[in-house]
N, C-alpha and C. Protein backbone atom coordinates (compact mmCIF):
# COMPACT_ATOMS: atom_id res chain seq x y z
N MET A 1 62.34 91.07 130.80
CA MET A 1 62.45 92.43 131.33
C MET A 1 63.40 93.22 130.50
N ASN A 2 63.55 94.13 129.98
CA ASN A 2 64.15 94.68 128.88
C ASN A 2 64.97 95.77 129.58
N PHE A 3 66.07 95.74 128.90
CA PHE A 3 67.25 96.99 129.91
C PHE A 3 67.34 97.61 128.69
N THR A 4 67.49 98.77 129.00
CA THR A 4 67.95 100.01 127.73
C THR A 4 69.20 100.46 128.60
N GLY A 5 70.19 100.29 127.51
CA GLY A 5 71.79 100.77 128.09
C GLY A 5 72.02 101.94 127.54
N HIS A 6 72.85 102.81 128.36
CA HIS A 6 73.48 104.28 127.26
C HIS A 6 74.97 103.95 127.33
N VAL A 7 75.18 104.15 126.11
CA VAL A 7 76.46 104.01 125.65
C VAL A 7 77.40 105.18 125.52
N LYS A 8 78.43 105.79 126.39
CA LYS A 8 78.82 106.90 126.23
C LYS A 8 80.02 107.06 125.06
N HIS A 9 79.77 107.96 124.12
CA HIS A 9 80.79 107.63 123.05
C HIS A 9 81.86 109.16 123.35
N SER A 10 83.13 108.90 123.04
CA SER A 10 84.30 109.82 122.98
C SER A 10 83.98 110.84 122.05
N LYS A 11 84.18 112.04 122.38
CA LYS A 11 83.83 113.23 121.52
C LYS A 11 85.18 113.48 120.81
N GLY A 12 86.47 113.26 121.43
CA GLY A 12 87.55 113.42 120.74
C GLY A 12 88.65 113.81 121.79
N PHE A 13 89.99 114.29 121.65
CA PHE A 13 90.94 113.89 122.70
C PHE A 13 90.55 115.20 123.60
N SER A 14 91.33 114.99 124.94
CA SER A 14 91.11 116.66 125.92
C SER A 14 92.10 117.24 125.17
N LEU A 15 92.11 118.59 125.90
CA LEU A 15 93.33 119.67 125.54
C LEU A 15 94.61 118.76 126.75
N ILE A 16 94.45 118.37 127.23
CA ILE A 16 95.97 117.41 128.13
C ILE A 16 96.58 116.49 127.25
N GLU A 17 95.56 115.72 127.03
CA GLU A 17 95.96 114.73 126.06
C GLU A 17 96.89 115.04 124.83
N VAL A 18 96.23 116.32 123.90
CA VAL A 18 96.72 117.14 123.16
C VAL A 18 98.13 117.43 123.54
N LEU A 19 98.20 118.17 124.31
CA LEU A 19 99.56 118.88 124.63
C LEU A 19 100.70 117.36 124.93
N VAL A 20 99.96 116.88 125.72
CA VAL A 20 100.99 115.67 125.91
C VAL A 20 101.72 115.14 124.65
N VAL A 21 100.78 114.52 123.60
CA VAL A 21 101.40 114.31 122.27
C VAL A 21 102.15 115.19 121.73
N LEU A 22 102.07 116.36 121.70
CA LEU A 22 102.74 117.54 121.15
C LEU A 22 104.28 117.46 121.95
N GLY A 23 103.84 117.19 123.18
CA GLY A 23 105.31 117.17 124.02
C GLY A 23 106.44 116.41 123.72
N ILE A 24 105.54 115.44 123.38
CA ILE A 24 106.40 113.93 123.14
C ILE A 24 106.92 114.21 121.75
N ILE A 25 106.09 114.84 120.60
CA ILE A 25 106.79 114.96 119.38
C ILE A 25 107.94 115.96 119.02
N VAL A 26 107.70 117.20 120.06
CA VAL A 26 108.95 118.14 120.15
C VAL A 26 110.16 117.37 120.81
N LEU A 27 109.76 116.43 121.81
CA LEU A 27 110.88 115.69 122.36
C LEU A 27 111.64 115.02 121.47
N MET A 28 111.07 114.31 120.67
CA MET A 28 111.75 113.28 119.87
C MET A 28 112.28 114.19 118.50
N MET A 29 111.80 115.24 118.08
CA MET A 29 112.59 115.98 117.21
C MET A 29 113.97 116.53 117.79
N THR A 30 113.59 117.15 118.91
CA THR A 30 114.82 117.47 119.45
C THR A 30 116.02 116.60 119.68
N VAL A 31 115.71 115.54 119.79
CA VAL A 31 116.86 114.32 119.99
C VAL A 31 117.29 114.17 118.64
N ALA A 32 116.24 113.99 117.72
CA ALA A 32 116.38 113.48 116.31
C ALA A 32 117.52 114.20 115.49
N LEU A 33 116.78 115.48 115.50
CA LEU A 33 117.84 116.69 114.42
C LEU A 33 119.31 116.62 114.79
N PRO A 34 119.97 116.65 116.35
CA PRO A 34 121.21 116.61 116.08
C PRO A 34 121.95 115.38 115.47
N THR A 35 121.03 114.30 115.67
CA THR A 35 121.49 112.90 115.17
C THR A 35 121.71 112.79 113.63
N VAL A 36 120.66 113.57 112.81
CA VAL A 36 120.73 113.38 111.58
C VAL A 36 121.57 114.80 111.00
N SER A 37 122.05 115.57 111.82
CA SER A 37 122.89 116.67 111.44
C SER A 37 124.27 115.94 111.28
N SER A 38 124.38 115.54 112.72
CA SER A 38 125.84 114.72 113.00
C SER A 38 125.91 113.71 111.43
N TYR A 39 125.00 113.02 111.22
CA TYR A 39 125.48 112.01 110.39
C TYR A 39 125.59 112.79 108.93
N PHE A 40 125.08 113.94 108.57
CA PHE A 40 125.84 114.51 107.40
C PHE A 40 127.11 114.79 107.41
N GLN A 41 127.48 115.44 108.66
CA GLN A 41 128.87 116.04 108.95
C GLN A 41 129.81 114.82 108.96
N VAL A 42 129.41 113.53 109.43
CA VAL A 42 130.16 112.50 109.36
C VAL A 42 130.60 112.10 107.58
N SER A 43 129.53 112.07 106.92
CA SER A 43 129.17 111.76 105.42
C SER A 43 130.22 112.56 104.69
N ILE A 44 130.27 114.33 105.19
CA ILE A 44 131.06 114.90 104.41
C ILE A 44 132.27 114.76 104.64
N ASN A 45 132.97 114.43 105.84
CA ASN A 45 133.98 114.33 106.42
C ASN A 45 134.81 112.92 105.79
N SER A 46 133.66 112.03 105.85
CA SER A 46 134.41 110.62 105.33
C SER A 46 134.65 111.07 103.59
N ALA A 47 134.02 111.68 103.23
CA ALA A 47 133.89 111.85 101.51
C ALA A 47 135.34 112.69 101.50
N ALA A 48 135.43 113.65 102.14
CA ALA A 48 136.73 114.44 102.05
C ALA A 48 138.19 113.48 102.38
N ARG A 49 137.90 112.49 103.47
CA ARG A 49 139.17 111.49 103.50
C ARG A 49 138.88 110.51 102.24
N ASP A 50 138.27 110.06 101.79
CA ASP A 50 138.40 108.93 100.78
C ASP A 50 138.74 110.00 99.46
N LEU A 51 138.55 111.28 99.14
CA LEU A 51 139.32 111.59 97.99
C LEU A 51 140.26 111.93 98.33
N ALA A 52 141.00 112.52 99.54
CA ALA A 52 142.44 112.88 100.19
C ALA A 52 143.05 111.62 99.86
N SER A 53 142.56 110.38 99.96
CA SER A 53 143.19 108.88 99.75
C SER A 53 143.58 108.85 98.36
N ARG A 54 142.57 108.82 97.60
CA ARG A 54 142.88 108.74 96.19
C ARG A 54 143.83 109.79 95.68
N ILE A 55 143.74 111.14 96.13
CA ILE A 55 144.68 112.02 95.69
C ILE A 55 146.06 111.63 95.99
N LYS A 56 146.32 110.84 97.42
CA LYS A 56 147.50 110.22 97.48
C LYS A 56 147.95 109.15 96.71
N GLU A 57 147.00 108.44 96.39
CA GLU A 57 147.50 107.35 95.64
C GLU A 57 147.83 107.93 94.10
N ALA A 58 147.09 108.55 93.39
CA ALA A 58 147.52 109.61 92.18
C ALA A 58 148.92 110.46 92.15
N TYR A 59 149.25 110.84 93.33
CA TYR A 59 150.31 111.52 93.40
C TYR A 59 151.34 110.35 93.71
N ASN A 60 151.51 109.25 94.45
CA ASN A 60 152.60 108.21 94.64
C ASN A 60 152.56 107.60 93.15
N SER A 61 151.42 107.38 92.52
CA SER A 61 151.83 106.59 90.99
C SER A 61 152.31 107.45 89.97
N ALA A 62 152.12 108.65 90.07
CA ALA A 62 152.80 109.78 89.36
C ALA A 62 154.39 109.48 89.78
N LEU A 63 154.70 109.52 90.83
CA LEU A 63 156.25 109.06 91.07
C LEU A 63 156.74 107.80 90.74
N ILE A 64 156.21 106.90 90.74
CA ILE A 64 156.68 105.36 90.46
C ILE A 64 156.46 105.16 89.39
N THR A 65 155.67 105.52 88.51
CA THR A 65 155.46 105.54 87.12
C THR A 65 156.30 105.92 85.97
N GLY A 66 156.28 107.74 86.43
CA GLY A 66 156.92 108.62 85.73
C GLY A 66 155.73 109.05 84.86
N ARG A 67 154.72 108.92 84.85
CA ARG A 67 153.76 109.30 83.93
C ARG A 67 152.77 110.49 84.94
N VAL A 68 152.18 111.40 84.27
CA VAL A 68 151.45 112.47 84.80
C VAL A 68 149.88 111.90 85.02
N TYR A 69 149.53 111.89 86.37
CA TYR A 69 148.00 111.51 86.98
C TYR A 69 147.24 112.54 87.14
N ARG A 70 145.67 112.64 87.04
CA ARG A 70 145.06 113.50 87.39
C ARG A 70 143.72 112.89 88.15
N MET A 71 142.95 113.83 88.97
CA MET A 71 141.59 113.51 89.59
C MET A 71 141.15 114.62 88.59
N ALA A 72 139.78 113.57 88.02
CA ALA A 72 138.93 114.11 87.61
C ALA A 72 137.50 114.17 88.23
N TYR A 73 136.93 115.42 88.14
CA TYR A 73 135.80 115.90 89.00
C TYR A 73 134.52 115.95 88.37
N ASP A 74 133.53 115.34 88.38
CA ASP A 74 132.46 115.36 87.35
C ASP A 74 131.55 116.50 88.40
N LEU A 75 131.25 117.86 88.09
CA LEU A 75 130.47 118.48 89.15
C LEU A 75 128.80 118.37 88.93
N LYS A 76 128.41 118.07 87.79
CA LYS A 76 127.09 117.35 87.74
C LYS A 76 126.83 116.28 88.27
N GLU A 77 127.34 115.23 88.03
CA GLU A 77 127.04 113.81 88.50
C GLU A 77 127.53 113.85 89.98
N ASN A 78 128.29 114.40 90.54
CA ASN A 78 128.92 114.48 91.68
C ASN A 78 129.88 113.39 92.14
N THR A 79 130.76 112.85 90.60
CA THR A 79 131.46 111.96 91.04
C THR A 79 132.86 112.07 90.63
N TYR A 80 133.93 111.03 91.00
CA TYR A 80 135.27 111.55 90.47
C TYR A 80 136.27 110.23 90.36
N TRP A 81 137.14 110.34 89.50
CA TRP A 81 137.84 108.95 89.49
C TRP A 81 139.38 109.45 89.04
N VAL A 82 140.37 108.45 88.76
CA VAL A 82 141.71 109.20 88.35
C VAL A 82 141.85 108.82 87.21
N GLU A 83 142.71 109.60 86.13
CA GLU A 83 143.01 109.02 85.19
C GLU A 83 144.71 109.24 85.00
N SER A 84 145.33 108.69 84.24
CA SER A 84 146.86 108.47 83.91
C SER A 84 147.08 109.05 82.23
N GLY A 85 148.15 109.83 81.96
CA GLY A 85 148.49 110.10 80.96
C GLY A 85 149.94 109.87 80.60
N PRO A 86 150.42 110.61 79.37
CA PRO A 86 151.71 110.51 79.25
C PRO A 86 152.69 111.27 79.97
N PRO A 87 154.27 110.78 79.91
CA PRO A 87 154.95 111.67 80.81
C PRO A 87 155.14 113.03 80.62
N GLN A 88 154.57 113.52 79.64
CA GLN A 88 155.12 115.19 79.18
C GLN A 88 153.71 115.66 79.07
N VAL A 89 153.18 116.27 80.28
CA VAL A 89 151.77 117.41 80.02
C VAL A 89 151.97 118.59 80.93
N LEU A 90 152.19 119.67 80.13
CA LEU A 90 152.26 120.85 80.58
C LEU A 90 151.00 121.36 81.36
N LEU A 91 151.01 122.04 82.46
CA LEU A 91 150.17 122.55 82.78
C LEU A 91 149.78 123.99 82.07
N ASN A 92 148.53 124.46 82.16
CA ASN A 92 148.27 125.55 81.11
C ASN A 92 148.32 126.85 82.40
N THR A 93 149.05 127.87 81.47
CA THR A 93 149.37 129.25 81.87
C THR A 93 148.10 130.00 81.29
N LYS A 94 148.11 131.32 81.74
CA LYS A 94 147.25 132.42 81.41
C LYS A 94 147.29 132.52 79.66
N SER A 95 148.51 132.44 79.27
CA SER A 95 148.47 132.96 77.80
C SER A 95 148.45 131.50 77.10
N SER A 96 148.49 130.27 77.39
CA SER A 96 148.46 128.81 76.78
C SER A 96 146.56 128.64 76.87
N LEU A 97 145.88 129.29 77.74
CA LEU A 97 144.59 128.95 77.73
C LEU A 97 143.84 130.11 76.83
N GLU A 98 144.71 131.10 76.55
CA GLU A 98 144.17 131.82 75.56
C GLU A 98 144.70 131.38 73.98
N LYS A 99 145.54 130.97 74.17
CA LYS A 99 146.01 130.66 72.46
C LYS A 99 145.12 129.16 72.33
N ALA A 100 144.95 128.34 73.39
CA ALA A 100 143.86 127.21 73.05
C ALA A 100 142.49 127.83 72.76
N GLU A 101 142.20 128.71 73.50
CA GLU A 101 140.72 129.45 72.92
C GLU A 101 140.62 129.64 71.72
N ARG A 102 141.66 130.57 71.04
CA ARG A 102 141.76 130.71 69.92
C ARG A 102 141.66 129.55 68.91
N LYS A 103 142.46 128.98 69.07
CA LYS A 103 142.81 127.34 68.31
C LYS A 103 141.29 126.85 68.16
N LYS A 104 140.52 126.81 69.44
CA LYS A 104 139.07 126.10 69.51
C LYS A 104 138.41 126.87 68.48
N LYS A 105 138.38 127.96 68.61
CA LYS A 105 137.91 128.83 67.45
C LYS A 105 137.78 128.21 66.13
N LEU A 106 138.87 127.62 65.79
CA LEU A 106 139.03 127.37 64.30
C LEU A 106 139.02 125.84 64.23
N GLN A 107 138.19 125.03 64.97
CA GLN A 107 137.94 123.87 65.23
C GLN A 107 136.53 123.60 65.70
N SER A 108 135.70 122.48 65.46
CA SER A 108 134.61 122.18 65.78
C SER A 108 134.91 121.80 67.19
N SER A 109 133.68 122.27 67.94
CA SER A 109 133.86 121.90 69.29
C SER A 109 133.90 120.16 69.80
N PHE A 110 133.42 119.41 68.84
CA PHE A 110 133.46 118.27 69.13
C PHE A 110 135.06 117.60 69.01
N ASN A 111 135.49 118.18 68.01
CA ASN A 111 137.04 117.55 67.65
C ASN A 111 138.16 118.19 69.01
N ALA A 112 137.48 119.70 69.28
CA ALA A 112 138.43 120.34 70.51
C ALA A 112 138.25 119.51 71.64
N ALA A 113 136.92 118.69 71.91
CA ALA A 113 136.91 118.69 73.32
C ALA A 113 137.79 116.87 73.01
N GLN A 114 137.48 116.33 71.68
CA GLN A 114 138.17 115.22 71.35
C GLN A 114 139.81 115.25 71.98
N ASP A 115 140.45 116.24 71.34
CA ASP A 115 141.99 116.43 71.39
C ASP A 115 142.08 116.85 72.85
N THR A 116 141.41 117.22 73.65
CA THR A 116 141.80 117.77 75.08
C THR A 116 141.92 116.60 75.79
N HIS A 117 141.13 115.37 75.65
CA HIS A 117 141.06 114.30 76.69
C HIS A 117 141.65 113.01 76.14
N SER A 118 142.07 113.13 74.90
CA SER A 118 142.82 111.70 73.97
C SER A 118 143.87 111.37 75.05
N GLU A 119 144.56 112.19 75.69
CA GLU A 119 145.84 111.75 76.19
C GLU A 119 145.75 110.98 77.48
N PHE A 120 144.61 111.11 78.10
CA PHE A 120 144.10 110.62 79.50
C PHE A 120 143.63 109.41 79.05
N ALA A 121 143.25 108.51 80.24
CA ALA A 121 142.28 107.58 80.04
C ALA A 121 142.27 107.00 82.15
N MET A 122 140.94 106.51 82.33
CA MET A 122 140.89 106.05 83.53
C MET A 122 141.85 105.25 83.87
N ASP A 123 142.48 105.37 85.28
CA ASP A 123 143.37 104.54 85.84
C ASP A 123 142.78 103.54 86.75
N LYS A 124 142.70 102.29 86.25
CA LYS A 124 141.63 101.29 86.91
C LYS A 124 142.67 100.83 88.30
N SER A 125 143.73 101.12 88.23
CA SER A 125 144.14 100.55 89.52
C SER A 125 144.16 101.28 90.53
N ILE A 126 143.77 102.44 90.55
CA ILE A 126 142.86 103.31 91.48
C ILE A 126 141.72 103.56 91.56
N THR A 127 141.11 103.64 90.26
CA THR A 127 139.41 103.74 90.62
C THR A 127 138.95 102.99 89.28
N ARG A 128 138.46 102.00 89.75
CA ARG A 128 138.20 100.66 88.82
C ARG A 128 136.76 101.44 88.05
N LYS A 129 136.06 102.27 88.62
CA LYS A 129 135.01 103.04 87.99
C LYS A 129 134.63 104.44 88.58
N LYS A 130 133.86 105.09 88.17
CA LYS A 130 133.72 106.46 88.46
C LYS A 130 132.99 106.17 89.75
N VAL A 131 133.66 107.04 91.05
CA VAL A 131 133.12 106.95 92.45
C VAL A 131 132.03 108.13 92.71
N SER A 132 130.89 108.04 93.08
CA SER A 132 130.05 108.87 93.58
C SER A 132 130.15 108.92 95.07
N LEU A 133 130.14 110.44 95.20
CA LEU A 133 130.07 111.10 96.84
C LEU A 133 128.94 110.45 97.52
N PRO A 134 129.09 110.42 98.82
CA PRO A 134 127.87 109.88 99.61
C PRO A 134 126.83 110.59 99.37
N ARG A 135 125.53 109.82 99.52
CA ARG A 135 124.40 110.64 99.48
C ARG A 135 124.05 111.55 100.38
N GLY A 136 123.48 112.82 99.70
CA GLY A 136 123.72 114.10 100.55
C GLY A 136 124.79 114.80 100.26
N VAL A 137 125.77 114.38 99.88
CA VAL A 137 126.95 115.24 99.80
C VAL A 137 127.28 115.60 98.33
N THR A 138 127.32 116.76 98.02
CA THR A 138 127.63 117.71 96.74
C THR A 138 129.07 118.06 96.34
N TYR A 139 129.49 118.51 95.02
CA TYR A 139 130.24 119.62 95.12
C TYR A 139 129.87 120.99 94.94
N GLU A 140 130.32 121.58 95.60
CA GLU A 140 130.00 123.42 95.86
C GLU A 140 130.84 124.07 94.56
N GLY A 141 132.22 123.20 94.21
CA GLY A 141 133.00 123.93 93.52
C GLY A 141 134.08 123.45 93.47
N ILE A 142 135.00 123.69 92.38
CA ILE A 142 136.73 123.37 92.31
C ILE A 142 137.40 124.69 91.95
N LEU A 143 138.10 124.70 92.63
CA LEU A 143 138.92 126.46 92.26
C LEU A 143 140.59 125.74 92.29
N GLY A 144 140.88 126.36 91.02
CA GLY A 144 142.47 126.30 90.70
C GLY A 144 143.10 127.35 90.78
N PRO A 145 144.56 127.22 90.52
CA PRO A 145 145.07 128.93 90.61
C PRO A 145 145.30 129.45 89.57
N LEU A 146 144.47 128.99 88.62
CA LEU A 146 144.30 130.11 87.30
C LEU A 146 142.92 130.63 87.25
N ASN A 147 141.79 130.16 88.05
CA ASN A 147 140.51 130.47 88.11
C ASN A 147 140.37 131.48 89.44
N VAL A 148 139.77 132.54 89.22
CA VAL A 148 139.14 133.67 90.08
C VAL A 148 137.96 133.15 90.91
N GLU A 149 137.13 132.38 90.29
CA GLU A 149 136.05 132.20 90.93
C GLU A 149 136.13 130.34 90.64
N PRO A 150 135.89 129.57 91.45
CA PRO A 150 135.24 128.04 91.62
C PRO A 150 134.53 127.62 90.05
N LEU A 151 135.11 126.51 89.95
CA LEU A 151 134.28 126.14 88.53
C LEU A 151 132.98 125.28 89.06
N THR A 152 131.81 125.42 88.83
CA THR A 152 130.83 124.82 89.18
C THR A 152 129.86 124.12 88.05
N THR A 153 130.53 123.72 86.99
CA THR A 153 129.75 123.16 85.97
C THR A 153 130.98 122.29 85.32
N GLY A 154 130.74 121.13 84.37
CA GLY A 154 131.49 120.43 83.71
C GLY A 154 132.32 119.64 84.41
N THR A 155 133.47 119.03 83.97
CA THR A 155 134.46 118.42 84.62
C THR A 155 135.84 119.46 84.84
N ALA A 156 136.07 118.93 86.06
CA ALA A 156 137.44 120.07 86.42
C ALA A 156 138.36 118.72 86.88
N TYR A 157 140.01 119.38 86.82
CA TYR A 157 141.14 118.13 87.43
C TYR A 157 142.01 118.90 88.16
N SER A 158 142.55 118.05 88.70
CA SER A 158 144.03 118.33 89.38
C SER A 158 145.08 117.47 88.89
N HIS A 159 146.04 117.61 88.43
CA HIS A 159 147.25 117.39 87.79
C HIS A 159 148.41 116.68 88.86
N PHE A 160 149.07 115.96 88.67
CA PHE A 160 150.10 115.19 89.60
C PHE A 160 151.01 114.91 88.77
N PHE A 161 152.58 115.28 89.05
CA PHE A 161 153.62 115.19 87.97
C PHE A 161 154.80 114.56 88.90
N PRO A 162 155.57 113.67 87.61
CA PRO A 162 156.49 112.83 88.19
C PRO A 162 157.53 113.20 88.82
N SER A 163 157.88 114.79 88.80
CA SER A 163 158.28 115.69 89.62
C SER A 163 158.42 115.69 91.15
N GLY A 164 156.97 115.36 91.42
CA GLY A 164 156.66 115.86 92.77
C GLY A 164 155.81 116.80 92.97
N LEU A 165 155.64 117.51 91.65
CA LEU A 165 154.69 118.60 92.22
C LEU A 165 153.18 118.20 91.84
N SER A 166 152.45 119.06 92.29
CA SER A 166 150.99 118.84 92.34
C SER A 166 150.18 120.21 92.02
N GLU A 167 149.29 120.23 90.91
CA GLU A 167 148.23 121.39 90.86
C GLU A 167 147.50 121.86 91.80
N GLN A 168 147.73 122.70 92.56
CA GLN A 168 147.13 123.21 93.98
C GLN A 168 145.84 123.31 93.38
N THR A 169 145.04 122.77 94.45
CA THR A 169 143.20 123.05 93.79
C THR A 169 142.77 123.20 95.60
N VAL A 170 141.32 123.48 95.43
CA VAL A 170 140.57 123.51 96.54
C VAL A 170 139.10 122.93 96.09
N ILE A 171 138.64 121.84 96.61
CA ILE A 171 137.67 120.96 96.55
C ILE A 171 136.74 121.56 97.70
N TYR A 172 135.11 121.98 97.23
CA TYR A 172 134.35 122.59 98.10
C TYR A 172 133.68 121.45 98.09
N LEU A 173 132.85 121.31 99.31
CA LEU A 173 131.87 120.09 99.45
C LEU A 173 130.99 120.79 100.21
N LYS A 174 129.56 120.30 99.99
CA LYS A 174 128.58 120.97 100.83
C LYS A 174 127.61 119.49 101.01
N ASP A 175 126.81 119.83 101.90
CA ASP A 175 125.42 118.76 102.39
C ASP A 175 124.19 119.19 102.49
N SER A 176 123.34 118.29 102.35
CA SER A 176 121.63 119.00 102.74
C SER A 176 121.71 119.65 104.32
N SER A 177 122.56 119.39 104.96
CA SER A 177 122.17 119.93 106.39
C SER A 177 123.16 121.43 106.44
N LYS A 178 123.69 121.87 105.09
CA LYS A 178 124.36 122.75 105.04
C LYS A 178 125.63 123.03 105.64
N HIS A 179 126.34 121.98 105.99
CA HIS A 179 127.90 121.77 105.95
C HIS A 179 128.57 121.70 104.81
N GLN A 180 129.68 122.61 105.20
CA GLN A 180 130.90 122.98 104.16
C GLN A 180 132.05 122.25 104.96
N ALA A 181 132.87 122.12 103.42
CA ALA A 181 134.30 121.27 103.70
C ALA A 181 135.24 122.10 102.45
N SER A 182 136.12 122.14 102.95
CA SER A 182 136.96 122.51 101.59
C SER A 182 138.25 121.75 101.88
N LEU A 183 138.67 120.98 100.94
CA LEU A 183 139.88 120.02 100.78
C LEU A 183 140.93 120.94 99.95
N VAL A 184 142.03 121.16 100.54
CA VAL A 184 142.96 121.84 99.48
C VAL A 184 144.48 120.84 99.33
N ILE A 185 144.33 120.54 98.26
CA ILE A 185 145.72 120.03 97.66
C ILE A 185 146.76 120.80 97.45
N THR A 186 147.89 120.56 98.06
CA THR A 186 148.92 121.69 98.39
C THR A 186 150.04 121.18 97.10
N ALA A 187 150.78 122.05 96.50
CA ALA A 187 151.65 121.92 95.64
C ALA A 187 152.50 120.99 95.85
N LEU A 188 153.04 120.50 96.94
CA LEU A 188 154.26 119.63 97.22
C LEU A 188 153.83 118.27 98.07
N LEU A 189 154.55 117.22 97.64
CA LEU A 189 154.17 116.21 98.51
C LEU A 189 152.89 115.48 98.21
N GLY A 190 151.94 115.92 97.45
CA GLY A 190 150.89 115.27 97.46
C GLY A 190 149.84 115.37 98.61
N THR A 191 149.87 116.34 99.74
CA THR A 191 148.86 116.13 100.91
C THR A 191 147.93 117.24 100.56
N THR A 192 147.15 116.95 101.60
CA THR A 192 145.96 117.64 101.70
C THR A 192 145.56 118.10 102.96
N ASP A 193 144.75 119.44 103.00
CA ASP A 193 144.68 119.72 104.13
C ASP A 193 142.99 119.83 104.11
N LEU A 194 142.46 119.47 105.41
CA LEU A 194 140.79 119.64 105.37
C LEU A 194 140.21 120.74 106.18
N TYR A 195 139.21 121.68 105.91
CA TYR A 195 139.12 122.37 106.80
C TYR A 195 137.23 122.38 106.67
N ASN A 196 136.51 122.53 108.07
CA ASN A 196 135.47 122.01 108.04
C ASN A 196 134.40 123.81 107.82
N ARG A 197 135.01 124.18 106.73
CA ARG A 197 134.57 125.44 106.25
C ARG A 197 134.74 125.86 104.78
N ARG A 198 134.36 127.00 104.46
CA ARG A 198 134.82 127.22 103.27
C ARG A 198 135.97 128.23 103.21
N VAL A 199 137.01 127.85 102.49
CA VAL A 199 138.23 128.43 102.21
C VAL A 199 138.41 129.40 100.93
N GLU A 200 138.34 130.47 100.94
CA GLU A 200 138.36 131.37 100.02
C GLU A 200 139.95 131.07 99.33
N GLY A 201 139.42 131.57 97.79
CA GLY A 201 140.97 131.37 97.05
C GLY A 201 141.98 132.22 97.65
N ASN A 202 141.47 133.51 98.17
CA ASN A 202 142.78 134.37 98.61
C ASN A 202 143.50 133.89 99.50
N GLU A 203 142.97 132.97 100.46
CA GLU A 203 143.46 132.34 101.46
C GLU A 203 144.82 131.24 100.98
N ILE A 204 144.77 130.66 99.96
CA ILE A 204 145.40 129.63 99.29
C ILE A 204 146.26 130.15 98.19
N PHE A 205 145.59 131.08 97.19
CA PHE A 205 146.18 131.43 95.87
C PHE A 205 147.14 132.80 96.32
N GLY A 206 146.47 133.65 97.12
CA GLY A 206 146.73 134.90 97.15
C GLY A 206 145.90 135.72 96.26
N HIS A 207 144.91 135.40 95.53
CA HIS A 207 144.05 136.27 94.90
C HIS A 207 142.62 136.23 95.07
């Protein structure tokens, strides 16, 4: 005796099943997105704290050794490190920068760059190598007292002197979640102030 069976094939998901799955996905995204955003906020604040710690070390080393120290920020590679130089290094002024520019035109760019950096070398007692910012965190710019706009390319510096003075600097950080932070190096005591926003130059330097 032969029995003929009929197999019922599913033609797909029902509308209710699709709506349930979509609801679960939306719920998971609602929970996950604040977590990701919080992670990047922690990363940018962590980067600022680490920078502030190195800055304080550089400042203290300048006082102890009697040499000039400086933080170096590579704006392309998103790294930083500490350098030490001779006891006497003068900060640039507007007139000294103009004079240096005229001198640079008389020299090759290679020699000019070599002369600028030959007095300083990485201080491995503070940074053994170049330190990278956390993943997802980058420089948005470095603003010094002589700049109208933040420097966004090349390498920028903040100097610390044996006299206890610092070159006032604003370090702008950002992350891929559009968080911003401004780390402000004060002119005295080697202290830094952290703002969870972009601090404009006129708030710090008055220009």
